[in-house]
Amino acid sequence: MGELLSKKKDYSSIVLAGEAGQGIQTVEYILTRVLKLSGYNIFSSKEFMSRIRGGTNSTEIRISSKRVSAFVDGIDILIPLSKDAVHHVKKRVSPNTIVLGEKENFRKEYKGSKDNIIDIPLSRIASDVGSRVYVNTVAVGLICGLFRVEPEILENFLKKHFLAKGENIIQKNIEAGKKGYEIGSDLVTSGKIEV
């Protein structure tokens, strides 16, 4: 099993937020399964808004080496996948929240330390793989890299999850996951995010 981001507490709270219909449910599904397979205890909570009305959806995933069974209000890591994502969860963001993603998705509402904002070009990485649709898998890989999930666990799960989509889609998702994983792993080993 990997390590939690903070040695000061026995869990980490990750929130992913994006536009309704952007695939936040799929990200949550893949992440919770992969993290469980890696030996972590997981609690996830989701919020959905109507796709007809538009809006922003978010999911919180608590990751722990111990049993967890409740939502927490604070956010350790925020991954905004759309421009309104930070605004959507701004009341839960603290000065210590680490924000990972594209700077254009950080609105003025973010009051945390600018040192806690790490610009990661998720869309460009996904486009380099083949399409912006792979942004979610890049984000999954990013989190798996942060938590030192065994790369084979992620790859094998992606193969199973996308099996019905065909070999090309499977390989593109594996590539996107690997690129995100490398970034997450580098953030930890470089000391930008303390483990």
C-alpha atoms as a PDB file:
ATOM      1  CA  MET A   1       0.000   0.000   0.000  1.00  0.00           C
ATOM      2  CA  GLY A   2       1.154   3.538  -0.678  1.00  0.00           C
ATOM      3  CA  GLU A   3       1.375   6.347   1.808  1.00  0.00           C
ATOM      4  CA  LEU A   4      -1.061   9.074   2.751  1.00  0.00           C
ATOM      5  CA  LEU A   5      -0.190  12.636   1.887  1.00  0.00           C
ATOM      6  CA  SER A   6      -0.217  13.890   5.462  1.00  0.00           C
ATOM      7  CA  LYS A   7       1.487  12.213   8.375  1.00  0.00           C
ATOM      8  CA  LYS A   8      -0.447  14.547  10.694  1.00  0.00           C
ATOM      9  CA  LYS A   9      -3.724  12.698  10.153  1.00  0.00           C
ATOM     10  CA  ASP A  10      -4.705   9.224   9.067  1.00  0.00           C
ATOM     11  CA  TYR A  11      -6.678  10.190   5.959  1.00  0.00           C
ATOM     12  CA  SER A  12      -6.600  12.448   2.919  1.00  0.00           C
ATOM     13  CA  SER A  13      -9.663  14.081   1.386  1.00  0.00           C
ATOM     14  CA  ILE A  14      -9.663  14.528  -2.379  1.00  0.00           C
ATOM     15  CA  VAL A  15     -12.385  16.410  -4.223  1.00  0.00           C
ATOM     16  CA  LEU A  16     -12.816  16.287  -7.977  1.00  0.00           C
ATOM     17  CA  ALA A  17     -15.270  18.756  -9.478  1.00  0.00           C
ATOM     18  CA  GLY A  18     -16.393  19.398 -13.022  1.00  0.00           C
ATOM     19  CA  GLU A  19     -19.314  20.137 -15.280  1.00  0.00           C
ATOM     20  CA  ALA A  20     -22.386  17.942 -15.139  1.00  0.00           C
ATOM     21  CA  GLY A  21     -21.913  15.190 -17.713  1.00  0.00           C
ATOM     22  CA  GLN A  22     -18.115  15.476 -17.649  1.00  0.00           C
ATOM     23  CA  GLY A  23     -17.621  12.005 -16.181  1.00  0.00           C
ATOM     24  CA  ILE A  24     -16.986  12.684 -12.498  1.00  0.00           C
ATOM     25  CA  GLN A  25     -18.949   9.496 -11.656  1.00  0.00           C
ATOM     26  CA  THR A  26     -16.618   7.416 -13.814  1.00  0.00           C
ATOM     27  CA  VAL A  27     -13.536   8.981 -12.219  1.00  0.00           C
ATOM     28  CA  GLU A  28     -14.918   8.189  -8.772  1.00  0.00           C
ATOM     29  CA  TYR A  29     -15.765   4.618  -9.764  1.00  0.00           C
ATOM     30  CA  ILE A  30     -12.306   3.890 -11.172  1.00  0.00           C
ATOM     31  CA  LEU A  31     -10.437   5.610  -8.342  1.00  0.00           C
ATOM     32  CA  THR A  32     -12.352   3.966  -5.517  1.00  0.00           C
ATOM     33  CA  ARG A  33     -11.866   0.504  -7.029  1.00  0.00           C
ATOM     34  CA  VAL A  34      -8.166   0.981  -7.793  1.00  0.00           C
ATOM     35  CA  LEU A  35      -7.439   2.468  -4.362  1.00  0.00           C
ATOM     36  CA  LYS A  36      -9.304  -0.387  -2.637  1.00  0.00           C
ATOM     37  CA  LEU A  37      -7.327  -2.912  -4.673  1.00  0.00           C
ATOM     38  CA  SER A  38      -4.206  -1.110  -3.431  1.00  0.00           C
ATOM     39  CA  GLY A  39      -5.162  -1.705   0.203  1.00  0.00           C
ATOM     40  CA  TYR A  40      -6.650   1.664   1.105  1.00  0.00           C
ATOM     41  CA  ASN A  41      -9.892   2.216   2.969  1.00  0.00           C
ATOM     42  CA  ILE A  42     -12.204   4.477   1.003  1.00  0.00           C
ATOM     43  CA  PHE A  43     -15.288   6.561   1.657  1.00  0.00           C
ATOM     44  CA  SER A  44     -16.789   8.479  -1.233  1.00  0.00           C
ATOM     45  CA  SER A  45     -19.581  10.989  -1.402  1.00  0.00           C
ATOM     46  CA  LYS A  46     -21.005  12.519  -4.553  1.00  0.00           C
ATOM     47  CA  GLU A  47     -23.130  15.473  -5.475  1.00  0.00           C
ATOM     48  CA  PHE A  48     -25.015  15.594  -8.744  1.00  0.00           C
ATOM     49  CA  MET A  49     -26.762  18.460 -10.454  1.00  0.00           C
ATOM     50  CA  SER A  50     -29.136  18.166 -13.363  1.00  0.00           C
ATOM     51  CA  ARG A  51     -27.456  17.853 -16.754  1.00  0.00           C
ATOM     52  CA  ILE A  52     -30.440  19.694 -18.212  1.00  0.00           C
ATOM     53  CA  ARG A  53     -29.874  22.700 -15.940  1.00  0.00           C
ATOM     54  CA  GLY A  54     -26.119  22.513 -16.304  1.00  0.00           C
ATOM     55  CA  GLY A  55     -24.050  23.084 -13.232  1.00  0.00           C
ATOM     56  CA  THR A  56     -21.144  21.498 -11.472  1.00  0.00           C
ATOM     57  CA  ASN A  57     -20.817  18.049  -9.929  1.00  0.00           C
ATOM     58  CA  SER A  58     -18.287  17.005  -7.354  1.00  0.00           C
ATOM     59  CA  THR A  59     -17.157  13.893  -5.586  1.00  0.00           C
ATOM     60  CA  GLU A  60     -15.139  13.544  -2.416  1.00  0.00           C
ATOM     61  CA  ILE A  61     -12.951  10.519  -1.876  1.00  0.00           C
ATOM     62  CA  ARG A  62     -11.494  10.002   1.573  1.00  0.00           C
ATOM     63  CA  ILE A  63      -8.462   7.756   1.479  1.00  0.00           C
ATOM     64  CA  SER A  64      -7.146   6.181   4.656  1.00  0.00           C
ATOM     65  CA  SER A  65      -5.042   3.377   6.020  1.00  0.00           C
ATOM     66  CA  LYS A  66      -7.796   2.971   8.644  1.00  0.00           C
ATOM     67  CA  ARG A  67     -11.542   2.462   8.344  1.00  0.00           C
ATOM     68  CA  VAL A  68     -13.400   5.626   7.258  1.00  0.00           C
ATOM     69  CA  SER A  69     -17.152   6.003   7.159  1.00  0.00           C
ATOM     70  CA  ALA A  70     -18.089   9.646   6.873  1.00  0.00           C
ATOM     71  CA  PHE A  71     -17.864  12.747   4.757  1.00  0.00           C
ATOM     72  CA  VAL A  72     -15.518  15.541   5.897  1.00  0.00           C
ATOM     73  CA  ASP A  73     -15.959  19.191   5.082  1.00  0.00           C
ATOM     74  CA  GLY A  74     -12.310  20.050   4.456  1.00  0.00           C
ATOM     75  CA  ILE A  75     -10.434  19.373   1.243  1.00  0.00           C
ATOM     76  CA  ASP A  76      -6.788  18.298   1.209  1.00  0.00           C
ATOM     77  CA  ILE A  77      -6.517  18.073  -2.585  1.00  0.00           C
ATOM     78  CA  LEU A  78      -8.849  19.690  -5.106  1.00  0.00           C
ATOM     79  CA  ILE A  79      -8.782  18.761  -8.772  1.00  0.00           C
ATOM     80  CA  PRO A  80     -10.998  21.219 -10.673  1.00  0.00           C
ATOM     81  CA  LEU A  81     -11.912  19.910 -14.109  1.00  0.00           C
ATOM     82  CA  SER A  82     -13.908  22.976 -15.185  1.00  0.00           C
ATOM     83  CA  LYS A  83     -13.864  26.745 -14.689  1.00  0.00           C
ATOM     84  CA  ASP A  84     -16.672  26.781 -12.096  1.00  0.00           C
ATOM     85  CA  ALA A  85     -15.292  23.913 -10.025  1.00  0.00           C
ATOM     86  CA  VAL A  86     -13.369  25.975  -7.445  1.00  0.00           C
ATOM     87  CA  HIS A  87     -16.335  28.320  -7.009  1.00  0.00           C
ATOM     88  CA  HIS A  88     -18.592  25.306  -6.477  1.00  0.00           C
ATOM     89  CA  VAL A  89     -16.607  24.039  -3.455  1.00  0.00           C
ATOM     90  CA  LYS A  90     -15.048  27.325  -2.266  1.00  0.00           C
ATOM     91  CA  LYS A  91     -16.555  27.129   1.239  1.00  0.00           C
ATOM     92  CA  ARG A  92     -14.706  23.855   1.808  1.00  0.00           C
ATOM     93  CA  VAL A  93     -11.340  25.059   0.519  1.00  0.00           C
ATOM     94  CA  SER A  94      -8.823  26.054   3.189  1.00  0.00           C
ATOM     95  CA  PRO A  95      -5.487  27.868   2.884  1.00  0.00           C
ATOM     96  CA  ASN A  96      -3.868  24.412   3.107  1.00  0.00           C
ATOM     97  CA  THR A  97      -5.841  22.877   0.241  1.00  0.00           C
ATOM     98  CA  ILE A  98      -3.581  21.787  -2.611  1.00  0.00           C
ATOM     99  CA  VAL A  99      -5.134  22.564  -5.990  1.00  0.00           C
ATOM    100  CA  LEU A 100      -3.939  20.461  -8.926  1.00  0.00           C
ATOM    101  CA  GLY A 101      -5.035  21.239 -12.454  1.00  0.00           C
ATOM    102  CA  GLU A 102      -5.186  23.882 -15.132  1.00  0.00           C
ATOM    103  CA  LYS A 103      -4.724  27.442 -13.864  1.00  0.00           C
ATOM    104  CA  GLU A 104      -7.550  28.722 -16.040  1.00  0.00           C
ATOM    105  CA  ASN A 105      -9.896  26.611 -13.890  1.00  0.00           C
ATOM    106  CA  PHE A 106      -8.957  28.525 -10.715  1.00  0.00           C
ATOM    107  CA  ARG A 107     -11.270  31.450 -10.190  1.00  0.00           C
ATOM    108  CA  LYS A 108     -10.552  34.419  -7.954  1.00  0.00           C
ATOM    109  CA  GLU A 109     -12.532  32.757  -5.141  1.00  0.00           C
ATOM    110  CA  TYR A 110      -9.564  30.566  -4.261  1.00  0.00           C
ATOM    111  CA  LYS A 111      -8.083  32.172  -1.143  1.00  0.00           C
ATOM    112  CA  GLY A 112      -5.378  29.610  -0.427  1.00  0.00           C
ATOM    113  CA  SER A 113      -1.655  30.027  -0.762  1.00  0.00           C
ATOM    114  CA  LYS A 114      -0.509  30.439  -4.344  1.00  0.00           C
ATOM    115  CA  ASP A 115       2.221  27.941  -3.391  1.00  0.00           C
ATOM    116  CA  ASN A 116      -0.547  25.340  -3.083  1.00  0.00           C
ATOM    117  CA  ILE A 117      -1.610  25.753  -6.712  1.00  0.00           C
ATOM    118  CA  ILE A 118       0.158  23.386  -9.068  1.00  0.00           C
ATOM    119  CA  ASP A 119      -0.582  23.995 -12.732  1.00  0.00           C
ATOM    120  CA  ILE A 120      -1.018  20.680 -14.518  1.00  0.00           C
ATOM    121  CA  PRO A 121      -2.090  20.895 -18.176  1.00  0.00           C
ATOM    122  CA  LEU A 122      -4.604  18.040 -17.994  1.00  0.00           C
ATOM    123  CA  SER A 123      -6.353  18.991 -21.253  1.00  0.00           C
ATOM    124  CA  ARG A 124      -3.107  19.258 -23.215  1.00  0.00           C
ATOM    125  CA  ILE A 125      -1.912  15.911 -21.886  1.00  0.00           C
ATOM    126  CA  ALA A 126      -5.244  14.316 -22.807  1.00  0.00           C
ATOM    127  CA  SER A 127      -5.137  15.895 -26.276  1.00  0.00           C
ATOM    128  CA  ASP A 128      -1.596  14.584 -26.770  1.00  0.00           C
ATOM    129  CA  VAL A 129      -2.941  11.101 -26.015  1.00  0.00           C
ATOM    130  CA  GLY A 130      -5.652  11.566 -28.617  1.00  0.00           C
ATOM    131  CA  SER A 131      -8.595  13.550 -27.255  1.00  0.00           C
ATOM    132  CA  ARG A 132      -9.657  15.818 -24.414  1.00  0.00           C
ATOM    133  CA  VAL A 133     -11.983  12.987 -23.349  1.00  0.00           C
ATOM    134  CA  TYR A 134      -8.978  11.381 -21.621  1.00  0.00           C
ATOM    135  CA  VAL A 135      -8.700  14.227 -19.065  1.00  0.00           C
ATOM    136  CA  ASN A 136     -10.484  12.083 -16.492  1.00  0.00           C
ATOM    137  CA  THR A 137      -8.061   9.197 -16.894  1.00  0.00           C
ATOM    138  CA  VAL A 138      -5.113  11.586 -16.606  1.00  0.00           C
ATOM    139  CA  ALA A 139      -6.642  12.793 -13.298  1.00  0.00           C
ATOM    140  CA  VAL A 140      -7.085   9.182 -12.132  1.00  0.00           C
ATOM    141  CA  GLY A 141      -3.437   8.462 -12.917  1.00  0.00           C
ATOM    142  CA  LEU A 142      -2.368  11.652 -11.145  1.00  0.00           C
ATOM    143  CA  ILE A 143      -4.052  10.590  -7.907  1.00  0.00           C
ATOM    144  CA  CYS A 144      -2.749   7.032  -8.198  1.00  0.00           C
ATOM    145  CA  GLY A 145       0.776   8.436  -8.582  1.00  0.00           C
ATOM    146  CA  LEU A 146       0.354  10.617  -5.493  1.00  0.00           C
ATOM    147  CA  PHE A 147      -0.697   7.608  -3.431  1.00  0.00           C
ATOM    148  CA  ARG A 148       1.917   5.290  -4.922  1.00  0.00           C
ATOM    149  CA  VAL A 149      -0.554   2.789  -6.275  1.00  0.00           C
ATOM    150  CA  GLU A 150       1.234  -0.031  -8.095  1.00  0.00           C
ATOM    151  CA  PRO A 151       1.081   0.946 -11.795  1.00  0.00           C
ATOM    152  CA  GLU A 152       0.018  -2.592 -12.752  1.00  0.00           C
ATOM    153  CA  ILE A 153      -3.098  -2.334 -10.566  1.00  0.00           C
ATOM    154  CA  LEU A 154      -4.183   0.815 -12.400  1.00  0.00           C
ATOM    155  CA  GLU A 155      -3.353  -0.598 -15.835  1.00  0.00           C
ATOM    156  CA  ASN A 156      -5.172  -3.886 -15.211  1.00  0.00           C
ATOM    157  CA  PHE A 157      -8.260  -2.097 -13.915  1.00  0.00           C
ATOM    158  CA  LEU A 158      -8.341   0.241 -16.917  1.00  0.00           C
ATOM    159  CA  LYS A 159      -8.107  -2.780 -19.247  1.00  0.00           C
ATOM    160  CA  LYS A 160     -11.109  -4.408 -17.571  1.00  0.00           C
ATOM    161  CA  HIS A 161     -13.136  -1.211 -17.285  1.00  0.00           C
ATOM    162  CA  PHE A 162     -12.764  -0.240 -20.948  1.00  0.00           C
ATOM    163  CA  LEU A 163     -12.817  -3.790 -22.384  1.00  0.00           C
ATOM    164  CA  ALA A 164     -16.081  -3.264 -24.271  1.00  0.00           C
ATOM    165  CA  LYS A 165     -14.718  -0.095 -25.913  1.00  0.00           C
ATOM    166  CA  GLY A 166     -12.037  -1.909 -27.900  1.00  0.00           C
ATOM    167  CA  GLU A 167      -8.256  -2.146 -27.882  1.00  0.00           C
ATOM    168  CA  ASN A 168      -7.586   1.400 -29.144  1.00  0.00           C
ATOM    169  CA  ILE A 169      -9.644   3.007 -26.349  1.00  0.00           C
ATOM    170  CA  ILE A 170      -8.062   0.688 -23.777  1.00  0.00           C
ATOM    171  CA  GLN A 171      -4.546   1.652 -24.887  1.00  0.00           C
ATOM    172  CA  LYS A 172      -5.359   5.387 -24.981  1.00  0.00           C
ATOM    173  CA  ASN A 173      -6.728   5.222 -21.427  1.00  0.00           C
ATOM    174  CA  ILE A 174      -3.669   3.290 -20.241  1.00  0.00           C
ATOM    175  CA  GLU A 175      -1.416   5.915 -21.848  1.00  0.00           C
ATOM    176  CA  ALA A 176      -3.414   8.760 -20.248  1.00  0.00           C
ATOM    177  CA  GLY A 177      -3.293   7.018 -16.871  1.00  0.00           C
ATOM    178  CA  LYS A 178       0.481   6.539 -17.144  1.00  0.00           C
ATOM    179  CA  LYS A 179       1.060  10.195 -17.999  1.00  0.00           C
ATOM    180  CA  GLY A 180      -1.000  11.314 -15.005  1.00  0.00           C
ATOM    181  CA  TYR A 181       0.710   8.741 -12.788  1.00  0.00           C
ATOM    182  CA  GLU A 182       4.165  10.052 -13.713  1.00  0.00           C
ATOM    183  CA  ILE A 183       3.155  13.594 -12.764  1.00  0.00           C
ATOM    184  CA  GLY A 184       1.675  12.502  -9.422  1.00  0.00           C
ATOM    185  CA  SER A 185       4.690  10.378  -8.601  1.00  0.00           C
ATOM    186  CA  ASP A 186       7.067  13.216  -9.557  1.00  0.00           C
ATOM    187  CA  LEU A 187       5.180  15.667  -7.301  1.00  0.00           C
ATOM    188  CA  VAL A 188       5.802  13.376  -4.341  1.00  0.00           C
ATOM    189  CA  THR A 189       9.416  12.435  -5.103  1.00  0.00           C
ATOM    190  CA  SER A 190      10.371  16.069  -5.858  1.00  0.00           C
ATOM    191  CA  GLY A 191       8.939  17.200  -2.530  1.00  0.00           C
ATOM    192  CA  LYS A 192       6.346  19.552  -4.066  1.00  0.00           C
ATOM    193  CA  ILE A 193       3.727  17.536  -2.213  1.00  0.00           C
ATOM    194  CA  GLU A 194       4.911  16.155   1.084  1.00  0.00           C
ATOM    195  CA  VAL A 195       4.234  12.522   1.840  1.00  0.00           C
END
